[in-house]
Amino acid sequence: ADIILVTHGAKDHMGDAIVLQKATGATLVCDPAVKVHATRNGVDKDRVINMLWGDLIHVGEVGIQAVECRHISFLASGDIYLAGLPLSFIIYPEDSTRIYNLGDSALFSDMKLIGELYQPNIALIPVGGSPELTGGWAHLPPREASLCVQWVRPDIVIPTHFDPATDEGEQFATRV
């Protein structure tokens, strides 16, 4: 790995990011609270870039734009809890590719603006989300996820974060 993007402080989004960063030396891109957690857990501060909404950085040849996200970033870091800024990312791995990773965002009308400004041609959309997997938080129900697709208008949509034991993925595909 060269770059590890973390949208917010949650077990299912942090995953093994710290272990992977230490093993690979990759650049970790995240919000300020996740940076604090990472450095408290042995990640070299020079290998972590924290971002806020609106920031645009380049890691090597890859452009990364942080955009607004409607969710929460909250995690235990040893004996303290950290609250941060949840992020969505527009990723530019090459000139013709613009990937919108929503993270765990709820639907909000500025997704239309994000679609107009950044014109992502690939979108990773969090569909549904059973309470057992999300700690009780739902993401975009299939109806709202399909409205996001209508607003953003990507060429390729990749549904994420849904429980394959439910029919949420199929409902989403039908609506799209």
C-alpha atoms as a PDB file:
ATOM      1  CA  ALA A   1       0.000   0.000   0.000  1.00  0.00           C
ATOM      2  CA  ASP A   2       1.168   3.517  -0.799  1.00  0.00           C
ATOM      3  CA  ILE A   3      -1.867   5.405   0.559  1.00  0.00           C
ATOM      4  CA  ILE A   4      -4.394   4.440   3.223  1.00  0.00           C
ATOM      5  CA  LEU A   5      -7.531   6.591   3.398  1.00  0.00           C
ATOM      6  CA  VAL A   6      -9.631   6.514   6.570  1.00  0.00           C
ATOM      7  CA  THR A   7     -12.984   8.284   6.310  1.00  0.00           C
ATOM      8  CA  HIS A   8     -13.647   8.343  10.053  1.00  0.00           C
ATOM      9  CA  GLY A   9     -12.828   6.858  13.408  1.00  0.00           C
ATOM     10  CA  ALA A  10     -14.874   3.671  13.532  1.00  0.00           C
ATOM     11  CA  LYS A  11     -13.694   0.083  13.869  1.00  0.00           C
ATOM     12  CA  ASP A  12     -15.159  -0.934  10.522  1.00  0.00           C
ATOM     13  CA  HIS A  13     -13.433   1.959   8.725  1.00  0.00           C
ATOM     14  CA  MET A  14     -10.159   1.979  10.638  1.00  0.00           C
ATOM     15  CA  GLY A  15      -9.809  -1.786  10.315  1.00  0.00           C
ATOM     16  CA  ASP A  16      -6.117  -2.663  10.250  1.00  0.00           C
ATOM     17  CA  ALA A  17      -5.052   0.772   8.975  1.00  0.00           C
ATOM     18  CA  ILE A  18      -2.452   1.259  11.701  1.00  0.00           C
ATOM     19  CA  VAL A  19      -0.984  -2.230  11.324  1.00  0.00           C
ATOM     20  CA  LEU A  20      -0.922  -1.858   7.529  1.00  0.00           C
ATOM     21  CA  GLN A  21       0.685   1.578   7.723  1.00  0.00           C
ATOM     22  CA  LYS A  22       3.445   0.297   9.980  1.00  0.00           C
ATOM     23  CA  ALA A  23       4.029  -2.722   7.724  1.00  0.00           C
ATOM     24  CA  THR A  24       4.112  -0.755   4.462  1.00  0.00           C
ATOM     25  CA  GLY A  25       5.171   2.777   5.370  1.00  0.00           C
ATOM     26  CA  ALA A  26       2.149   4.052   3.441  1.00  0.00           C
ATOM     27  CA  THR A  27       0.854   7.569   3.898  1.00  0.00           C
ATOM     28  CA  LEU A  28      -2.222   7.565   6.142  1.00  0.00           C
ATOM     29  CA  VAL A  29      -4.811  10.210   5.184  1.00  0.00           C
ATOM     30  CA  CYS A  30      -7.531  10.923   7.752  1.00  0.00           C
ATOM     31  CA  ASP A  31      -9.183  13.503   9.990  1.00  0.00           C
ATOM     32  CA  PRO A  32      -7.250  15.095  12.897  1.00  0.00           C
ATOM     33  CA  ALA A  33      -8.706  12.771  15.567  1.00  0.00           C
ATOM     34  CA  VAL A  34      -7.690   9.647  13.667  1.00  0.00           C
ATOM     35  CA  LYS A  35      -4.209  11.173  13.302  1.00  0.00           C
ATOM     36  CA  VAL A  36      -3.991  11.565  17.082  1.00  0.00           C
ATOM     37  CA  HIS A  37      -5.055   7.930  17.506  1.00  0.00           C
ATOM     38  CA  ALA A  38      -2.578   6.712  14.888  1.00  0.00           C
ATOM     39  CA  THR A  39       0.373   8.590  16.388  1.00  0.00           C
ATOM     40  CA  ARG A  40      -0.582   7.423  19.899  1.00  0.00           C
ATOM     41  CA  ASN A  41      -0.323   3.910  18.473  1.00  0.00           C
ATOM     42  CA  GLY A  42       3.129   4.255  16.985  1.00  0.00           C
ATOM     43  CA  VAL A  43       2.550   5.668  13.502  1.00  0.00           C
ATOM     44  CA  ASP A  44       5.222   8.246  12.610  1.00  0.00           C
ATOM     45  CA  LYS A  45       3.538  11.675  12.541  1.00  0.00           C
ATOM     46  CA  ASP A  46       5.345  12.424   9.279  1.00  0.00           C
ATOM     47  CA  ARG A  47       3.489   9.503   7.627  1.00  0.00           C
ATOM     48  CA  VAL A  48       0.024  10.888   8.501  1.00  0.00           C
ATOM     49  CA  ILE A  49      -1.788  13.713   6.732  1.00  0.00           C
ATOM     50  CA  ASN A  50      -4.896  15.044   8.403  1.00  0.00           C
ATOM     51  CA  MET A  51      -7.515  16.747   6.268  1.00  0.00           C
ATOM     52  CA  LEU A  52     -10.574  18.924   6.688  1.00  0.00           C
ATOM     53  CA  TRP A  53     -13.426  19.458   4.260  1.00  0.00           C
ATOM     54  CA  GLY A  54     -12.196  21.404   1.261  1.00  0.00           C
ATOM     55  CA  ASP A  55      -8.537  20.375   1.538  1.00  0.00           C
ATOM     56  CA  LEU A  56      -6.824  19.102  -1.606  1.00  0.00           C
ATOM     57  CA  ILE A  57      -3.530  17.236  -1.299  1.00  0.00           C
ATOM     58  CA  HIS A  58      -1.331  15.120  -3.522  1.00  0.00           C
ATOM     59  CA  VAL A  59       0.355  11.953  -2.350  1.00  0.00           C
ATOM     60  CA  GLY A  60       2.712  11.086  -5.145  1.00  0.00           C
ATOM     61  CA  GLU A  61       0.661  11.294  -8.335  1.00  0.00           C
ATOM     62  CA  VAL A  62      -2.696  10.809  -6.562  1.00  0.00           C
ATOM     63  CA  GLY A  63      -4.879  13.816  -5.786  1.00  0.00           C
ATOM     64  CA  ILE A  64      -7.186  13.593  -2.776  1.00  0.00           C
ATOM     65  CA  GLN A  65      -9.934  16.127  -2.060  1.00  0.00           C
ATOM     66  CA  ALA A  66     -11.755  15.972   1.296  1.00  0.00           C
ATOM     67  CA  VAL A  67     -15.438  16.828   0.994  1.00  0.00           C
ATOM     68  CA  GLU A  68     -18.288  17.105   3.429  1.00  0.00           C
ATOM     69  CA  CYS A  69     -19.755  14.007   5.006  1.00  0.00           C
ATOM     70  CA  ARG A  70     -22.771  13.686   7.306  1.00  0.00           C
ATOM     71  CA  HIS A  71     -21.813  11.099   9.895  1.00  0.00           C
ATOM     72  CA  ILE A  72     -19.725  10.885  13.082  1.00  0.00           C
ATOM     73  CA  SER A  73     -16.086  10.145  13.786  1.00  0.00           C
ATOM     74  CA  PHE A  74     -15.754   8.770  17.306  1.00  0.00           C
ATOM     75  CA  LEU A  75     -13.287   6.227  18.631  1.00  0.00           C
ATOM     76  CA  ALA A  76     -11.644   4.929  21.771  1.00  0.00           C
ATOM     77  CA  SER A  77      -7.903   5.545  21.823  1.00  0.00           C
ATOM     78  CA  GLY A  78      -6.504   3.818  24.865  1.00  0.00           C
ATOM     79  CA  ASP A  79      -8.080   5.466  27.892  1.00  0.00           C
ATOM     80  CA  ILE A  80      -9.600   8.441  26.034  1.00  0.00           C
ATOM     81  CA  TYR A  81     -12.281   8.976  23.419  1.00  0.00           C
ATOM     82  CA  LEU A  82     -11.691  11.068  20.323  1.00  0.00           C
ATOM     83  CA  ALA A  83     -14.350  12.825  18.271  1.00  0.00           C
ATOM     84  CA  GLY A  84     -13.350  14.057  14.851  1.00  0.00           C
ATOM     85  CA  LEU A  85     -14.556  15.200  11.480  1.00  0.00           C
ATOM     86  CA  PRO A  86     -15.947  12.470   9.217  1.00  0.00           C
ATOM     87  CA  LEU A  87     -14.677  12.727   5.660  1.00  0.00           C
ATOM     88  CA  SER A  88     -15.726  11.767   2.183  1.00  0.00           C
ATOM     89  CA  PHE A  89     -13.048  11.785  -0.493  1.00  0.00           C
ATOM     90  CA  ILE A  90     -12.767  12.605  -4.173  1.00  0.00           C
ATOM     91  CA  ILE A  91      -9.761  10.604  -5.349  1.00  0.00           C
ATOM     92  CA  TYR A  92      -7.887  11.424  -8.559  1.00  0.00           C
ATOM     93  CA  PRO A  93      -5.624   8.450  -9.362  1.00  0.00           C
ATOM     94  CA  GLU A  94      -5.246   9.674 -12.983  1.00  0.00           C
ATOM     95  CA  ASP A  95      -6.572  12.523 -15.120  1.00  0.00           C
ATOM     96  CA  SER A  96      -9.671  10.742 -16.382  1.00  0.00           C
ATOM     97  CA  THR A  97     -10.685   9.052 -13.112  1.00  0.00           C
ATOM     98  CA  ARG A  98     -12.545  10.730 -10.270  1.00  0.00           C
ATOM     99  CA  ILE A  99     -13.669   8.426  -7.445  1.00  0.00           C
ATOM    100  CA  TYR A 100     -16.165   9.657  -4.851  1.00  0.00           C
ATOM    101  CA  ASN A 101     -15.870   7.621  -1.646  1.00  0.00           C
ATOM    102  CA  LEU A 102     -18.789   8.694   0.537  1.00  0.00           C
ATOM    103  CA  GLY A 103     -17.543   6.842   3.614  1.00  0.00           C
ATOM    104  CA  ASP A 104     -20.674   6.456   5.743  1.00  0.00           C
ATOM    105  CA  SER A 105     -22.425   9.683   4.803  1.00  0.00           C
ATOM    106  CA  ALA A 106     -26.133  10.190   5.212  1.00  0.00           C
ATOM    107  CA  LEU A 107     -27.952  11.827   2.311  1.00  0.00           C
ATOM    108  CA  PHE A 108     -27.700  15.632   2.165  1.00  0.00           C
ATOM    109  CA  SER A 109     -28.503  18.053  -0.637  1.00  0.00           C
ATOM    110  CA  ASP A 110     -24.904  19.252  -1.143  1.00  0.00           C
ATOM    111  CA  MET A 111     -24.200  15.878  -2.739  1.00  0.00           C
ATOM    112  CA  LYS A 112     -25.713  17.536  -5.829  1.00  0.00           C
ATOM    113  CA  LEU A 113     -23.055  20.248  -5.573  1.00  0.00           C
ATOM    114  CA  ILE A 114     -20.304  17.668  -5.062  1.00  0.00           C
ATOM    115  CA  GLY A 115     -21.518  15.948  -8.232  1.00  0.00           C
ATOM    116  CA  GLU A 116     -21.504  19.228 -10.180  1.00  0.00           C
ATOM    117  CA  LEU A 117     -18.133  20.470  -8.890  1.00  0.00           C
ATOM    118  CA  TYR A 118     -16.074  17.289  -9.012  1.00  0.00           C
ATOM    119  CA  GLN A 119     -17.999  15.212 -11.588  1.00  0.00           C
ATOM    120  CA  PRO A 120     -17.009  11.846 -10.137  1.00  0.00           C
ATOM    121  CA  ASN A 121     -17.238   9.024 -12.643  1.00  0.00           C
ATOM    122  CA  ILE A 122     -17.027   6.307  -9.979  1.00  0.00           C
ATOM    123  CA  ALA A 123     -18.932   6.409  -6.686  1.00  0.00           C
ATOM    124  CA  LEU A 124     -18.682   4.140  -3.655  1.00  0.00           C
ATOM    125  CA  ILE A 125     -22.092   4.452  -2.000  1.00  0.00           C
ATOM    126  CA  PRO A 126     -22.894   3.066   1.485  1.00  0.00           C
ATOM    127  CA  VAL A 127     -26.200   1.266   1.054  1.00  0.00           C
ATOM    128  CA  GLY A 128     -28.412   0.343   3.993  1.00  0.00           C
ATOM    129  CA  GLY A 129     -26.460  -1.015   6.866  1.00  0.00           C
ATOM    130  CA  SER A 130     -27.865  -3.466   9.350  1.00  0.00           C
ATOM    131  CA  PRO A 131     -27.607  -2.383  13.009  1.00  0.00           C
ATOM    132  CA  GLU A 132     -25.532  -5.488  13.840  1.00  0.00           C
ATOM    133  CA  LEU A 133     -22.791  -4.321  11.458  1.00  0.00           C
ATOM    134  CA  THR A 134     -22.956  -0.602  12.130  1.00  0.00           C
ATOM    135  CA  GLY A 135     -23.412  -0.418  15.886  1.00  0.00           C
ATOM    136  CA  GLY A 136     -26.995   0.750  15.421  1.00  0.00           C
ATOM    137  CA  TRP A 137     -26.387   3.431  12.785  1.00  0.00           C
ATOM    138  CA  ALA A 138     -28.053   3.086   9.434  1.00  0.00           C
ATOM    139  CA  HIS A 139     -26.431   4.488   6.324  1.00  0.00           C
ATOM    140  CA  LEU A 140     -28.281   5.237   3.120  1.00  0.00           C
ATOM    141  CA  PRO A 141     -31.399   3.123   2.742  1.00  0.00           C
ATOM    142  CA  PRO A 142     -31.720   1.892  -0.876  1.00  0.00           C
ATOM    143  CA  ARG A 143     -34.143   4.703  -1.801  1.00  0.00           C
ATOM    144  CA  GLU A 144     -31.800   7.429  -0.486  1.00  0.00           C
ATOM    145  CA  ALA A 145     -28.715   5.747  -1.959  1.00  0.00           C
ATOM    146  CA  SER A 146     -30.370   5.706  -5.395  1.00  0.00           C
ATOM    147  CA  LEU A 147     -31.252   9.401  -5.026  1.00  0.00           C
ATOM    148  CA  CYS A 148     -27.569  10.084  -4.282  1.00  0.00           C
ATOM    149  CA  VAL A 149     -26.681   8.311  -7.543  1.00  0.00           C
ATOM    150  CA  GLN A 150     -29.232  10.476  -9.381  1.00  0.00           C
ATOM    151  CA  TRP A 151     -27.683  13.631  -7.924  1.00  0.00           C
ATOM    152  CA  VAL A 152     -24.011  12.677  -8.381  1.00  0.00           C
ATOM    153  CA  ARG A 153     -24.466  10.956 -11.786  1.00  0.00           C
ATOM    154  CA  PRO A 154     -21.388   8.696 -11.807  1.00  0.00           C
ATOM    155  CA  ASP A 155     -20.754   6.272 -14.670  1.00  0.00           C
ATOM    156  CA  ILE A 156     -19.962   3.438 -12.269  1.00  0.00           C
ATOM    157  CA  VAL A 157     -21.556   2.823  -8.881  1.00  0.00           C
ATOM    158  CA  ILE A 158     -20.114   0.439  -6.324  1.00  0.00           C
ATOM    159  CA  PRO A 159     -22.470  -0.267  -3.415  1.00  0.00           C
ATOM    160  CA  THR A 160     -20.652  -0.647  -0.099  1.00  0.00           C
ATOM    161  CA  HIS A 161     -21.413  -1.286   3.539  1.00  0.00           C
ATOM    162  CA  PHE A 162     -24.547  -3.371   3.040  1.00  0.00           C
ATOM    163  CA  ASP A 163     -25.277  -6.692   4.668  1.00  0.00           C
ATOM    164  CA  PRO A 164     -25.303  -9.341   1.924  1.00  0.00           C
ATOM    165  CA  ALA A 165     -27.761 -11.354   4.048  1.00  0.00           C
ATOM    166  CA  THR A 166     -30.379  -8.666   3.332  1.00  0.00           C
ATOM    167  CA  ASP A 167     -31.891  -7.632   0.015  1.00  0.00           C
ATOM    168  CA  GLU A 168     -30.715  -4.006   0.370  1.00  0.00           C
ATOM    169  CA  GLY A 169     -28.108  -4.399  -2.379  1.00  0.00           C
ATOM    170  CA  GLU A 170     -30.719  -5.802  -4.768  1.00  0.00           C
ATOM    171  CA  GLN A 171     -33.226  -3.081  -3.844  1.00  0.00           C
ATOM    172  CA  PHE A 172     -30.559  -0.481  -4.544  1.00  0.00           C
ATOM    173  CA  ALA A 173     -29.604  -2.044  -7.898  1.00  0.00           C
ATOM    174  CA  THR A 174     -33.259  -2.144  -8.953  1.00  0.00           C
ATOM    175  CA  ARG A 175     -33.784   1.504  -8.042  1.00  0.00           C
ATOM    176  CA  VAL A 176     -30.604   2.625  -9.819  1.00  0.00           C
END
